[in-house]
Amino acid sequence: MDTEAQHTERDRSSGEEERSRSARVSGLDEGSGSAPGGVLTWRRTGLIGVACMVFLLVFSHFVLQPFLVPSSSMEPTLQVGDRILVNKLAYRFGDEPRRGDVVVFDGTGSFVEEQPAGNPVTGLLHDAAAALGLAEPDETDFVKRVVGTGGDRVVCCDKAGRITVNGVPVTETYVMLGDRPSNVRFDIVVPDGTLWVMGDHRSQSSDSRDHLGRPGGGMVPVEQVIGRADWIGWPVGRWSTVPDTEAFDAVPQWTGPGGHG
């Protein structure tokens, strides 16, 4: 028997086993979090996550913000828990809110008084969550329908119980079934640069009517409008656009005192 050949074969076999073992150990090290490659992978994943979060926050701040509907004041158009997508570019390039638009606005100074500053850290976290539609909006934010714009005369009500805008009765098909257009009587002219807004669920909505006797008379400054509610994004079964309305198509500009000619 060739002894030298046997030794050579064993040496070759031992070398292959050693290389195989080294490869397996190397593979385990790369898969564990203790290896430099694993740390870099986790860091890269974390940085990508942070970048995505920052992008979403910037996008929601300037372009399209989810808004959680907290109450029934806009039923049946919007339900409690709906997450609507607010188009922040709708009024950025010279356009202004129109009658019938559903808008989200900051009611500070018109619907609610100025609030003292709270904990800045808590406020920042809440604002970030609200910007992503994960938390209820600030108590100063509201969603309502525009019924009157600058110069309009809005009156409640005519003999048939309808609201009139610039003398034209408005058939508000979006109002909650069983609700009257308003139980509060009013006759106002909307100042330029402001809006008269009302909820679709009139008996459950705190809107411009509730602030008639306060400074500002229930009017919302156009500059306080955050954006227009264009879509319902959640829940999945409610995916749709926020319906348009033709209720105000026949309404002309008001030409009486305080109106536009």
Protein backbone atom coordinates (compact mmCIF):
# COMPACT_ATOMS: atom_id res chain seq x y z
CA MET A 1 0.00 0.00 0.00
CA ASP A 2 1.22 3.52 -0.84
CA THR A 3 1.50 5.16 2.63
CA GLU A 4 2.51 8.53 1.18
CA ALA A 5 -0.58 8.64 -0.98
CA GLN A 6 -2.80 7.95 2.03
CA HIS A 7 -1.24 10.84 4.00
CA THR A 8 -1.69 13.16 1.03
CA GLU A 9 -5.38 12.22 0.74
CA ARG A 10 -5.98 12.77 4.47
CA ASP A 11 -4.23 16.18 4.34
CA ARG A 12 -6.39 17.23 1.39
CA SER A 13 -9.58 16.06 3.18
CA SER A 14 -8.61 17.85 6.42
CA GLY A 15 -8.00 21.08 4.52
CA GLU A 16 -11.39 20.94 2.83
CA GLU A 17 -13.14 20.32 6.19
CA GLU A 18 -11.32 23.27 7.74
CA ARG A 19 -12.30 25.57 4.90
CA SER A 20 -15.93 24.37 5.12
CA ARG A 21 -16.00 24.97 8.90
CA SER A 22 -14.52 28.45 8.46
CA ALA A 23 -17.14 29.30 5.86
CA ARG A 24 -19.98 28.19 8.17
CA VAL A 25 -18.59 30.19 11.10
CA SER A 26 -18.14 33.25 8.87
CA GLY A 27 -21.74 32.94 7.67
CA LEU A 28 -23.03 32.81 11.24
CA ASP A 29 -20.99 35.86 12.23
CA GLU A 30 -22.34 37.89 9.29
CA GLY A 31 -25.93 36.98 10.19
CA SER A 32 -25.55 38.01 13.84
CA GLY A 33 -25.99 41.52 15.09
CA SER A 34 -22.51 41.44 16.66
CA ALA A 35 -20.69 41.60 13.36
CA PRO A 36 -19.87 45.01 11.83
CA GLY A 37 -21.90 44.14 8.73
CA GLY A 38 -25.00 43.48 10.86
CA VAL A 39 -24.62 46.78 12.72
CA LEU A 40 -24.36 48.68 9.45
CA THR A 41 -27.50 46.95 8.17
CA TRP A 42 -29.49 47.96 11.26
CA ARG A 43 -28.18 51.52 11.06
CA ARG A 44 -29.10 51.73 7.39
CA THR A 45 -32.60 50.43 8.12
CA GLY A 46 -33.00 52.96 10.95
CA LEU A 47 -31.84 55.85 8.77
CA ILE A 48 -34.25 54.84 5.99
CA GLY A 49 -37.09 54.69 8.53
CA VAL A 50 -36.26 58.15 9.90
CA ALA A 51 -35.99 59.57 6.37
CA CYS A 52 -39.40 58.13 5.45
CA MET A 53 -40.94 59.61 8.61
CA VAL A 54 -39.45 63.04 7.91
CA PHE A 55 -40.70 62.88 4.32
CA LEU A 56 -44.23 61.99 5.46
CA LEU A 57 -44.25 64.83 8.00
CA VAL A 58 -43.04 67.37 5.44
CA PHE A 59 -45.50 66.05 2.84
CA SER A 60 -48.41 66.25 5.29
CA HIS A 61 -47.39 69.73 6.42
CA PHE A 62 -47.28 71.24 2.95
CA VAL A 63 -49.29 69.02 0.56
CA LEU A 64 -51.73 66.41 1.89
CA GLN A 65 -52.56 65.87 5.55
CA PRO A 66 -54.63 63.06 7.05
CA PHE A 67 -57.23 64.38 9.49
CA LEU A 68 -59.14 62.20 11.94
CA VAL A 69 -62.84 63.15 12.14
CA PRO A 70 -63.53 63.27 15.90
CA SER A 71 -67.28 63.97 16.02
CA SER A 72 -70.61 63.45 14.26
CA SER A 73 -71.01 67.11 13.27
CA MET A 74 -70.47 66.36 9.55
CA GLU A 75 -72.67 63.27 9.24
CA PRO A 76 -73.76 61.81 6.92
CA THR A 77 -70.96 63.14 4.68
CA LEU A 78 -68.21 62.26 7.19
CA GLN A 79 -68.48 59.63 9.90
CA VAL A 80 -66.80 59.54 13.31
CA GLY A 81 -63.39 57.90 12.86
CA ASP A 82 -63.06 58.71 9.16
CA ARG A 83 -59.59 59.76 8.14
CA ILE A 84 -59.96 62.40 5.49
CA LEU A 85 -57.14 63.66 3.29
CA VAL A 86 -56.90 67.44 3.40
CA ASN A 87 -55.59 69.08 0.24
CA LYS A 88 -53.35 71.90 1.46
CA LEU A 89 -52.61 73.09 -2.06
CA ALA A 90 -56.28 73.74 -2.89
CA TYR A 91 -56.10 77.42 -1.89
CA ARG A 92 -52.37 78.09 -2.20
CA PHE A 93 -52.28 79.58 -5.70
CA GLY A 94 -54.91 82.30 -5.62
CA ASP A 95 -58.03 80.14 -5.28
CA GLU A 96 -60.27 80.67 -2.27
CA PRO A 97 -62.85 78.46 -0.56
CA ARG A 98 -66.16 78.28 -2.41
CA ARG A 99 -69.69 77.68 -1.18
CA GLY A 100 -70.18 73.97 -0.63
CA ASP A 101 -66.51 73.15 0.02
CA VAL A 102 -65.77 71.01 3.07
CA VAL A 103 -62.80 72.66 4.77
CA VAL A 104 -60.55 72.07 7.76
CA PHE A 105 -59.58 75.24 9.61
CA ASP A 106 -57.91 76.51 12.74
CA GLY A 107 -60.66 78.02 14.87
CA THR A 108 -58.31 79.94 17.17
CA GLY A 109 -59.70 83.43 17.58
CA SER A 110 -63.02 82.62 15.91
CA PHE A 111 -64.43 79.41 17.41
CA VAL A 112 -62.08 79.11 20.42
CA GLU A 113 -60.01 81.53 22.44
CA GLU A 114 -56.22 81.62 22.42
CA GLN A 115 -54.87 78.82 24.61
CA PRO A 116 -51.80 79.14 26.87
CA ALA A 117 -48.78 77.24 25.62
CA GLY A 118 -48.48 73.70 26.98
CA ASN A 119 -45.58 71.26 27.23
CA PRO A 120 -43.61 71.78 23.99
CA VAL A 121 -42.38 68.16 23.80
CA THR A 122 -45.84 66.69 24.33
CA GLY A 123 -47.29 69.18 21.86
CA LEU A 124 -44.68 68.28 19.23
CA LEU A 125 -45.34 64.54 19.57
CA HIS A 126 -49.11 65.08 19.38
CA ASP A 127 -48.76 67.34 16.33
CA ALA A 128 -46.61 64.71 14.59
CA ALA A 129 -49.15 61.96 15.34
CA ALA A 130 -52.05 64.19 14.24
CA ALA A 131 -50.20 65.10 11.03
CA LEU A 132 -50.09 61.39 10.18
CA GLY A 133 -53.75 60.87 11.10
CA LEU A 134 -52.83 58.72 14.10
CA ALA A 135 -54.27 61.01 16.78
CA GLU A 136 -57.24 63.31 17.14
CA PRO A 137 -56.62 66.81 15.79
CA ASP A 138 -55.97 69.76 18.05
CA GLU A 139 -59.05 71.05 19.86
CA THR A 140 -58.70 74.21 17.80
CA ASP A 141 -59.09 72.41 14.45
CA PHE A 142 -62.55 71.98 12.91
CA VAL A 143 -64.08 70.50 9.77
CA LYS A 144 -67.22 72.22 8.38
CA ARG A 145 -68.95 73.11 5.12
CA VAL A 146 -68.68 76.59 3.62
CA VAL A 147 -72.17 78.11 3.28
CA GLY A 148 -71.26 81.76 2.75
CA THR A 149 -68.16 83.54 1.43
CA GLY A 150 -67.10 87.17 1.56
CA GLY A 151 -69.97 89.50 0.57
CA ASP A 152 -72.73 86.86 0.80
CA ARG A 153 -75.96 87.45 2.67
CA VAL A 154 -76.98 84.25 4.46
CA VAL A 155 -80.45 84.08 6.02
CA CYS A 156 -82.36 81.48 8.00
CA CYS A 157 -84.91 80.76 7.03
CA ASP A 158 -87.52 81.27 4.29
CA LYS A 159 -91.17 80.20 4.60
CA ALA A 160 -90.26 76.68 3.47
CA GLY A 161 -87.63 76.43 6.20
CA ARG A 162 -84.68 76.67 3.79
CA ILE A 163 -81.52 78.74 4.19
CA THR A 164 -81.17 81.42 1.52
CA VAL A 165 -77.92 82.78 0.17
CA ASN A 166 -78.16 86.13 -1.62
CA GLY A 167 -81.92 85.67 -1.80
CA VAL A 168 -81.82 82.21 -3.40
CA PRO A 169 -83.19 79.23 -1.41
CA VAL A 170 -80.62 76.45 -1.07
CA THR A 171 -81.71 72.81 -1.16
CA GLU A 172 -79.13 71.18 1.09
CA THR A 173 -79.34 67.48 0.24
CA TYR A 174 -76.21 66.80 2.30
CA VAL A 175 -77.88 67.75 5.61
CA MET A 176 -78.51 64.88 8.04
CA LEU A 177 -81.88 63.25 7.43
CA GLY A 178 -84.41 64.54 9.97
CA ASP A 179 -82.47 67.75 10.76
CA ARG A 180 -83.83 71.19 9.95
CA PRO A 181 -81.45 73.51 8.08
CA SER A 182 -81.20 75.46 11.35
CA ASN A 183 -83.09 75.92 14.58
CA VAL A 184 -81.31 79.25 15.05
CA ARG A 185 -82.56 82.19 13.03
CA PHE A 186 -80.00 84.60 11.60
CA ASP A 187 -79.53 87.22 8.90
CA ILE A 188 -75.88 88.07 8.30
CA VAL A 189 -73.60 89.48 5.62
CA VAL A 190 -70.24 87.72 5.49
CA PRO A 191 -67.35 90.21 5.65
CA ASP A 192 -64.70 90.04 2.94
CA GLY A 193 -61.90 87.61 3.73
CA THR A 194 -64.08 85.43 5.97
CA LEU A 195 -66.40 82.42 5.75
CA TRP A 196 -69.71 81.37 7.26
CA VAL A 197 -69.46 77.62 7.96
CA MET A 198 -71.93 74.99 9.17
CA GLY A 199 -71.88 71.26 9.89
CA ASP A 200 -74.00 68.86 7.86
CA HIS A 201 -75.45 67.32 11.05
CA ARG A 202 -77.04 70.61 12.04
CA SER A 203 -78.48 69.45 15.38
CA GLN A 204 -75.07 68.13 16.48
CA SER A 205 -72.79 70.82 15.07
CA SER A 206 -71.21 73.71 16.91
CA ASP A 207 -70.51 76.09 14.05
CA SER A 208 -70.82 79.74 12.99
CA ARG A 209 -74.33 79.94 14.46
CA ASP A 210 -73.00 79.32 17.97
CA HIS A 211 -70.66 82.30 17.82
CA LEU A 212 -73.00 84.98 16.50
CA GLY A 213 -72.77 87.11 19.64
CA ARG A 214 -69.00 86.87 20.03
CA PRO A 215 -66.24 89.01 18.50
CA GLY A 216 -66.04 88.06 14.85
CA GLY A 217 -69.69 86.97 14.76
CA GLY A 218 -68.88 83.33 13.96
CA MET A 219 -66.90 84.19 10.84
CA VAL A 220 -63.76 82.19 10.02
CA PRO A 221 -60.89 84.13 8.41
CA VAL A 222 -59.87 82.59 5.09
CA GLU A 223 -56.25 82.70 6.23
CA GLN A 224 -57.12 80.24 9.00
CA VAL A 225 -58.22 77.57 6.51
CA ILE A 226 -55.80 74.63 6.54
CA GLY A 227 -57.12 73.00 3.39
CA ARG A 228 -60.02 71.35 1.59
CA ALA A 229 -61.21 67.85 2.49
CA ASP A 230 -61.04 66.05 -0.86
CA TRP A 231 -60.89 62.33 -0.02
CA ILE A 232 -61.88 59.80 2.62
CA GLY A 233 -58.82 57.58 3.00
CA TRP A 234 -59.83 55.30 5.86
CA PRO A 235 -61.49 52.93 6.70
CA VAL A 236 -61.10 50.93 3.51
CA GLY A 237 -64.85 50.48 3.10
CA ARG A 238 -65.24 54.28 3.00
CA TRP A 239 -62.62 55.00 0.31
CA SER A 240 -64.06 57.76 -1.86
CA THR A 241 -63.87 61.41 -2.75
CA VAL A 242 -65.77 63.85 -0.55
CA PRO A 243 -68.89 64.42 -2.69
CA ASP A 244 -69.32 67.74 -4.46
CA THR A 245 -72.63 69.57 -4.20
CA GLU A 246 -74.64 71.58 -6.72
CA ALA A 247 -76.70 73.24 -3.99
CA PHE A 248 -75.14 76.67 -4.55
CA ASP A 249 -74.88 76.65 -8.35
CA ALA A 250 -77.79 79.08 -8.78
CA VAL A 251 -76.59 81.52 -6.11
CA PRO A 252 -75.48 84.92 -7.51
CA GLN A 253 -73.18 87.40 -5.87
CA TRP A 254 -74.89 89.58 -3.24
CA THR A 255 -75.45 93.13 -4.52
CA GLY A 256 -77.04 94.62 -1.43
CA PRO A 257 -75.33 96.72 1.29
CA GLY A 258 -71.93 95.29 2.12
CA GLY A 259 -72.01 93.00 -0.90
CA HIS A 260 -70.21 93.03 -4.23
CA GLY A 261 -71.83 94.58 -7.26
